[in-house]
Amino acid sequence: MSVQRTGFVGLGLMGAPMAANLVRKGWAVTACNRSSAALEDLRRLGGSSAETVELLRDEPVIVFMLPDLAYIEDAASGLLASWRTSPPAAGTAVVVMSSVSPTGVKDFGRRVQAASSGNAVVLDAPVSGGTKGAIEGTLAIMAGADHDADFRRLLPLFEAMGTTVRLLGPLGAGSLAKACNQLVVGTTTAALAEAAELAERSGVDVAALYEVLSGGLAGSRVLDQVGPRIARKDYTPTGPAKFMHKDLSFVVESADAAGAAVPMARAGVELYAELKRQGLGDQDLAVVRQTISNLSRAGAVSATEGTSS
């Protein structure tokens, strides 16, 4: 099977530049997306489009880059129905590159295998690096595959989109690795936001604080990339903050299954749930600072009311 052809479902903030990099690296990409504007952009680069996911049934590889597994299952329903009637070629690969539940993607893999009469295999290969990494082709890709040969066969696909590509274990291992990644990113971003609010309310310049932090042990890529947006209170989306709640929920789900204690993840789930309750979920991850600011004001009001009573 030649893997120089691929279907690609989902041309959002991450998916569009990822598909564009595949085209630039010589891949024949046929994409399916709700927005016609994104499809037109890909066609201008040399890609093709399909009106439905089912029309991608004969592609040797089909990449899904949609917000969550429920979206993928819904988008793939016609594809799987088609495969039940007429199975795809042996060795067909379905690659889930979204952040999804590690246990859920295993179930999806079993359903795909059954629908395709065993001819299609699912790999999970979520990514990290944000829109900047997607545009520059420098994503970190965390893969899970039940057979090493399937991963090796798709390595050229992954290397067209990322620079750090690792097989972490069987199907679901990639999603678990991404959950661990989000545990670090989500809680670090929250800590930076808390530090910013504490500093500013105490009369310390946040940008100056971050500059000092970056030169010490607190320095990190999260500080380098998200810190400036937190300091400027720039919440223009590079990815919706609400997805962090979903991702940290996967950490808790996996921890419960493994018997691992994850107190930071549990606190993060509640904080990002509060972010969504405040109506901030569609803004950038840096908006967690605004969530903390709102909580600070609410706490101050409660303290004032308690004093006056």
Protein backbone atom coordinates (compact mmCIF):
# COMPACT_ATOMS: atom_id res chain seq x y z
CA MET A 1 0.00 0.00 0.00
CA SER A 2 1.23 3.44 -0.86
CA VAL A 3 0.75 5.88 2.01
CA GLN A 4 1.40 8.94 -0.13
CA ARG A 5 -2.39 9.46 -0.39
CA THR A 6 -4.55 10.37 2.56
CA GLY A 7 -7.99 11.56 3.48
CA PHE A 8 -8.14 14.31 6.09
CA VAL A 9 -11.25 15.14 8.12
CA GLY A 10 -11.31 18.43 10.03
CA LEU A 11 -9.62 21.62 8.82
CA GLY A 12 -9.84 23.69 11.99
CA LEU A 13 -7.17 25.78 13.70
CA MET A 14 -4.88 22.75 13.93
CA GLY A 15 -6.12 20.55 11.10
CA ALA A 16 -5.83 23.12 8.32
CA PRO A 17 -2.09 23.78 8.71
CA MET A 18 -1.42 20.08 9.32
CA ALA A 19 -3.14 19.14 6.05
CA ALA A 20 -1.35 22.01 4.29
CA ASN A 21 2.02 20.66 5.41
CA LEU A 22 1.13 17.24 4.03
CA VAL A 23 0.37 18.80 0.65
CA ARG A 24 3.62 20.75 0.73
CA LYS A 25 5.51 17.53 1.47
CA GLY A 26 4.08 15.88 -1.63
CA TRP A 27 1.08 14.05 -0.23
CA ALA A 28 -2.14 13.80 -2.22
CA VAL A 29 -4.63 15.05 0.37
CA THR A 30 -8.40 14.78 -0.04
CA ALA A 31 -10.11 16.66 2.76
CA CYS A 32 -13.61 16.77 4.17
CA ASN A 33 -14.71 19.76 6.25
CA ARG A 34 -17.88 21.65 7.10
CA SER A 35 -16.36 25.02 6.16
CA SER A 36 -16.00 25.48 2.42
CA ALA A 37 -13.50 28.33 2.94
CA ALA A 38 -10.96 25.98 4.55
CA LEU A 39 -11.43 23.50 1.72
CA GLU A 40 -10.84 26.21 -0.85
CA ASP A 41 -7.62 27.22 0.89
CA LEU A 42 -6.40 23.62 0.72
CA ARG A 43 -7.38 23.31 -2.93
CA ARG A 44 -5.31 26.39 -3.72
CA LEU A 45 -2.30 24.59 -2.27
CA GLY A 46 -2.96 21.54 -4.46
CA GLY A 47 -5.24 19.46 -2.26
CA SER A 48 -8.63 18.01 -3.15
CA SER A 49 -11.97 17.87 -1.35
CA ALA A 50 -14.76 15.36 -0.74
CA GLU A 51 -18.33 16.26 0.14
CA THR A 52 -18.69 13.42 2.66
CA VAL A 53 -16.38 11.29 4.79
CA GLU A 54 -17.87 8.19 3.14
CA LEU A 55 -16.28 9.26 -0.14
CA LEU A 56 -12.86 8.80 1.50
CA ARG A 57 -13.54 5.07 1.94
CA ASP A 58 -10.88 3.97 -0.55
CA GLU A 59 -8.08 6.19 0.74
CA PRO A 60 -5.24 4.13 2.25
CA VAL A 61 -5.12 6.50 5.25
CA ILE A 62 -7.86 8.64 6.79
CA VAL A 63 -6.83 11.23 9.38
CA PHE A 64 -9.41 12.64 11.81
CA MET A 65 -8.72 16.00 13.48
CA LEU A 66 -12.05 16.87 15.11
CA PRO A 67 -12.75 18.25 18.62
CA ASP A 68 -13.58 14.96 20.36
CA LEU A 69 -14.32 11.30 19.78
CA ALA A 70 -18.09 11.86 19.60
CA TYR A 71 -17.54 14.14 16.59
CA ILE A 72 -15.29 11.53 14.97
CA GLU A 73 -17.78 8.72 15.53
CA ASP A 74 -20.58 10.82 14.05
CA ALA A 75 -18.46 11.85 11.04
CA ALA A 76 -17.33 8.24 10.46
CA SER A 77 -20.78 6.64 10.68
CA GLY A 78 -21.37 6.68 6.92
CA LEU A 79 -17.82 5.47 6.29
CA LEU A 80 -18.26 2.46 8.57
CA ALA A 81 -21.64 1.68 7.03
CA SER A 82 -20.00 1.67 3.61
CA TRP A 83 -17.25 -0.65 4.84
CA ARG A 84 -19.81 -3.07 6.27
CA THR A 85 -21.27 -3.41 2.79
CA SER A 86 -17.94 -3.53 0.98
CA PRO A 87 -14.78 -3.82 3.13
CA PRO A 88 -11.83 -1.51 2.38
CA ALA A 89 -8.44 -2.72 1.20
CA ALA A 90 -6.43 -4.64 3.76
CA GLY A 91 -4.08 -2.35 5.67
CA THR A 92 -6.33 0.72 5.55
CA ALA A 93 -5.42 3.02 8.45
CA VAL A 94 -7.67 5.36 10.42
CA VAL A 95 -5.57 7.86 12.38
CA VAL A 96 -7.16 9.74 15.28
CA MET A 97 -5.02 12.85 15.85
CA SER A 98 -7.47 14.63 18.14
CA SER A 99 -7.26 14.63 21.94
CA VAL A 100 -9.65 11.85 22.93
CA SER A 101 -10.35 9.43 25.74
CA PRO A 102 -7.72 6.65 25.91
CA THR A 103 -10.40 4.08 26.70
CA GLY A 104 -12.83 5.53 24.17
CA VAL A 105 -10.37 5.30 21.28
CA LYS A 106 -9.81 1.62 22.06
CA ASP A 107 -13.55 1.01 21.75
CA PHE A 108 -13.57 2.97 18.49
CA GLY A 109 -10.74 0.79 17.22
CA ARG A 110 -12.75 -2.35 17.89
CA ARG A 111 -15.78 -0.94 16.07
CA VAL A 112 -13.70 0.05 13.04
CA GLN A 113 -12.11 -3.38 12.93
CA ALA A 114 -15.51 -5.08 13.05
CA ALA A 115 -17.07 -2.79 10.43
CA SER A 116 -14.16 -3.30 8.03
CA SER A 117 -14.02 -7.09 8.39
CA GLY A 118 -10.63 -6.65 10.02
CA ASN A 119 -9.15 -4.77 7.05
CA ALA A 120 -8.83 -1.36 8.75
CA VAL A 121 -6.70 -0.53 11.77
CA VAL A 122 -6.97 2.49 14.10
CA LEU A 123 -3.97 4.38 15.48
CA ASP A 124 -4.21 7.27 17.91
CA ALA A 125 -1.64 9.99 17.34
CA PRO A 126 -2.59 13.19 19.20
CA VAL A 127 -0.35 16.21 18.86
CA SER A 128 1.17 18.96 20.98
CA GLY A 129 2.68 22.26 19.91
CA GLY A 130 -0.35 24.44 19.29
CA THR A 131 -1.17 26.30 16.13
CA LYS A 132 2.42 27.53 15.90
CA GLY A 133 3.72 23.97 15.79
CA ALA A 134 1.00 22.95 13.33
CA ILE A 135 1.91 25.80 10.97
CA GLU A 136 5.65 25.22 11.22
CA GLY A 137 5.39 21.43 11.01
CA THR A 138 7.14 21.01 14.36
CA LEU A 139 4.44 19.18 16.30
CA ALA A 140 5.16 16.53 18.89
CA ILE A 141 3.17 13.44 17.88
CA MET A 142 2.36 10.76 20.47
CA ALA A 143 1.28 7.53 18.80
CA GLY A 144 -0.45 4.38 19.94
CA ALA A 145 -0.60 1.34 17.67
CA ASP A 146 -1.26 -2.32 18.36
CA HIS A 147 1.38 -3.30 15.83
CA ASP A 148 4.75 -1.61 15.40
CA ALA A 149 4.56 -2.22 11.64
CA ASP A 150 1.48 0.00 11.33
CA PHE A 151 3.31 2.84 13.06
CA ARG A 152 6.43 2.43 10.91
CA ARG A 153 4.30 2.40 7.77
CA LEU A 154 2.76 5.73 8.74
CA LEU A 155 5.95 7.37 9.96
CA PRO A 156 6.35 9.43 6.73
CA LEU A 157 2.85 10.85 7.32
CA PHE A 158 3.70 11.86 10.87
CA GLU A 159 7.09 13.28 9.96
CA ALA A 160 5.44 15.56 7.39
CA MET A 161 3.61 17.25 10.27
CA GLY A 162 5.92 16.91 13.27
CA THR A 163 9.53 16.73 14.36
CA THR A 164 9.16 14.66 17.54
CA VAL A 165 7.31 11.44 16.76
CA ARG A 166 7.19 8.55 19.23
CA LEU A 167 5.33 5.26 19.50
CA LEU A 168 4.26 5.04 23.16
CA GLY A 169 2.56 1.64 23.14
CA PRO A 170 -0.65 -0.02 21.90
CA LEU A 171 -3.79 1.81 20.78
CA GLY A 172 -4.75 4.30 23.50
CA ALA A 173 -1.17 4.94 24.64
CA GLY A 174 -0.90 8.05 22.47
CA SER A 175 -4.05 9.49 24.00
CA LEU A 176 -2.80 8.72 27.50
CA ALA A 177 0.47 10.51 26.70
CA LYS A 178 -1.52 13.51 25.44
CA ALA A 179 -3.57 13.48 28.64
CA CYS A 180 -0.33 13.61 30.63
CA ASN A 181 0.85 16.46 28.39
CA GLN A 182 -2.34 18.38 29.09
CA LEU A 183 -1.99 17.75 32.81
CA VAL A 184 1.33 19.59 32.70
CA VAL A 185 0.16 22.33 30.30
CA GLY A 186 -3.20 22.95 31.97
CA THR A 187 -1.93 23.13 35.54
CA THR A 188 1.18 25.12 34.58
CA THR A 189 -0.95 27.66 32.72
CA ALA A 190 -3.24 27.93 35.74
CA ALA A 191 -0.25 28.45 38.04
CA LEU A 192 1.10 31.18 35.76
CA ALA A 193 -2.31 32.84 35.74
CA GLU A 194 -2.49 32.71 39.54
CA ALA A 195 1.01 34.19 39.80
CA ALA A 196 0.03 36.98 37.39
CA GLU A 197 -3.06 37.93 39.36
CA LEU A 198 -1.22 37.80 42.68
CA ALA A 199 1.64 39.90 41.32
CA GLU A 200 -0.54 42.55 39.68
CA ARG A 201 -2.81 42.92 42.73
CA SER A 202 0.33 43.32 44.84
CA GLY A 203 1.80 46.04 42.61
CA VAL A 204 4.37 43.89 40.75
CA ASP A 205 4.70 44.14 36.96
CA VAL A 206 3.65 40.80 35.46
CA ALA A 207 5.88 41.01 32.37
CA ALA A 208 8.91 41.73 34.58
CA LEU A 209 7.98 38.84 36.86
CA TYR A 210 7.73 36.43 33.94
CA GLU A 211 11.09 37.60 32.60
CA VAL A 212 12.72 36.72 35.91
CA LEU A 213 10.86 33.40 36.15
CA SER A 214 11.97 32.40 32.65
CA GLY A 215 15.61 32.64 33.73
CA GLY A 216 15.18 30.26 36.65
CA LEU A 217 13.76 26.86 37.46
CA ALA A 218 10.21 28.08 36.73
CA GLY A 219 11.13 28.63 33.08
CA SER A 220 9.23 26.42 30.61
CA ARG A 221 7.82 26.36 27.10
CA VAL A 222 4.41 27.01 28.59
CA LEU A 223 5.78 30.20 30.13
CA ASP A 224 7.50 31.14 26.86
CA GLN A 225 4.45 30.56 24.66
CA VAL A 226 1.41 31.22 26.86
CA GLY A 227 3.01 33.61 29.35
CA PRO A 228 3.07 36.65 27.03
CA ARG A 229 -0.63 36.23 26.31
CA ILE A 230 -1.42 35.94 30.02
CA ALA A 231 0.65 39.05 30.76
CA ARG A 232 -1.06 41.08 27.99
CA LYS A 233 -4.50 39.65 28.78
CA ASP A 234 -4.66 38.65 25.13
CA TYR A 235 -7.27 35.93 24.88
CA THR A 236 -7.57 35.75 21.10
CA PRO A 237 -8.11 32.02 20.46
CA THR A 238 -5.22 29.85 19.33
CA GLY A 239 -7.34 26.95 20.58
CA PRO A 240 -10.50 27.02 22.73
CA ALA A 241 -9.82 26.90 26.48
CA LYS A 242 -12.87 24.69 27.05
CA PHE A 243 -11.00 21.71 25.59
CA MET A 244 -8.65 21.72 28.59
CA HIS A 245 -11.56 20.70 30.80
CA LYS A 246 -12.19 17.73 28.51
CA ASP A 247 -8.52 16.77 28.41
CA LEU A 248 -8.04 16.92 32.17
CA SER A 249 -11.19 14.82 32.57
CA PHE A 250 -9.39 12.15 30.53
CA VAL A 251 -6.51 12.32 33.02
CA VAL A 252 -8.89 11.64 35.89
CA GLU A 253 -10.62 8.86 33.95
CA SER A 254 -7.28 7.18 33.22
CA ALA A 255 -6.05 7.68 36.77
CA ASP A 256 -9.16 6.02 38.17
CA ALA A 257 -8.58 3.03 35.89
CA ALA A 258 -4.91 2.79 36.88
CA GLY A 259 -5.39 3.48 40.59
CA ALA A 260 -3.20 6.60 40.45
CA ALA A 261 -3.70 9.72 42.56
CA VAL A 262 -3.94 12.93 40.50
CA PRO A 263 -4.85 15.77 42.90
CA MET A 264 -3.55 18.47 40.52
CA ALA A 265 -5.66 17.11 37.66
CA ARG A 266 -8.76 17.02 39.84
CA ALA A 267 -8.23 20.62 40.89
CA GLY A 268 -7.67 21.54 37.24
CA VAL A 269 -10.90 19.88 36.16
CA GLU A 270 -12.83 22.05 38.62
CA LEU A 271 -10.97 25.24 37.64
CA TYR A 272 -11.60 24.74 33.91
CA ALA A 273 -15.20 23.77 34.62
CA GLU A 274 -15.50 27.16 36.34
CA LEU A 275 -13.93 28.77 33.26
CA LYS A 276 -16.70 27.25 31.14
CA ARG A 277 -19.37 28.32 33.64
CA GLN A 278 -18.08 31.88 33.31
CA GLY A 279 -18.68 31.70 29.55
CA LEU A 280 -14.97 31.93 28.65
CA GLY A 281 -14.55 28.54 27.00
CA ASP A 282 -14.23 29.73 23.41
CA GLN A 283 -11.32 32.05 24.19
CA ASP A 284 -7.63 31.18 24.40
CA LEU A 285 -6.25 28.99 27.18
CA ALA A 286 -4.65 32.13 28.66
CA VAL A 287 -8.16 33.27 29.62
CA VAL A 288 -7.85 31.12 32.73
CA ARG A 289 -6.32 34.31 34.15
CA GLN A 290 -9.69 36.02 33.72
CA THR A 291 -11.36 33.09 35.47
CA ILE A 292 -9.03 33.54 38.43
CA SER A 293 -9.56 37.30 38.37
CA ASN A 294 -13.33 36.77 38.50
CA LEU A 295 -12.93 34.34 41.39
CA SER A 296 -10.72 36.90 43.17
CA ARG A 297 -13.38 39.58 42.82
CA ALA A 298 -16.08 37.18 44.03
CA GLY A 299 -13.92 36.28 47.03
CA ALA A 300 -13.32 39.94 47.81
CA VAL A 301 -17.05 40.68 47.65
CA SER A 302 -17.81 37.74 49.95
CA ALA A 303 -15.17 38.90 52.43
CA THR A 304 -16.60 42.45 52.38
CA GLU A 305 -20.13 41.17 52.94
CA GLY A 306 -18.91 39.01 55.78
CA THR A 307 -17.21 41.99 57.44
CA SER A 308 -20.23 44.27 57.05
CA SER A 309 -22.55 41.70 58.55
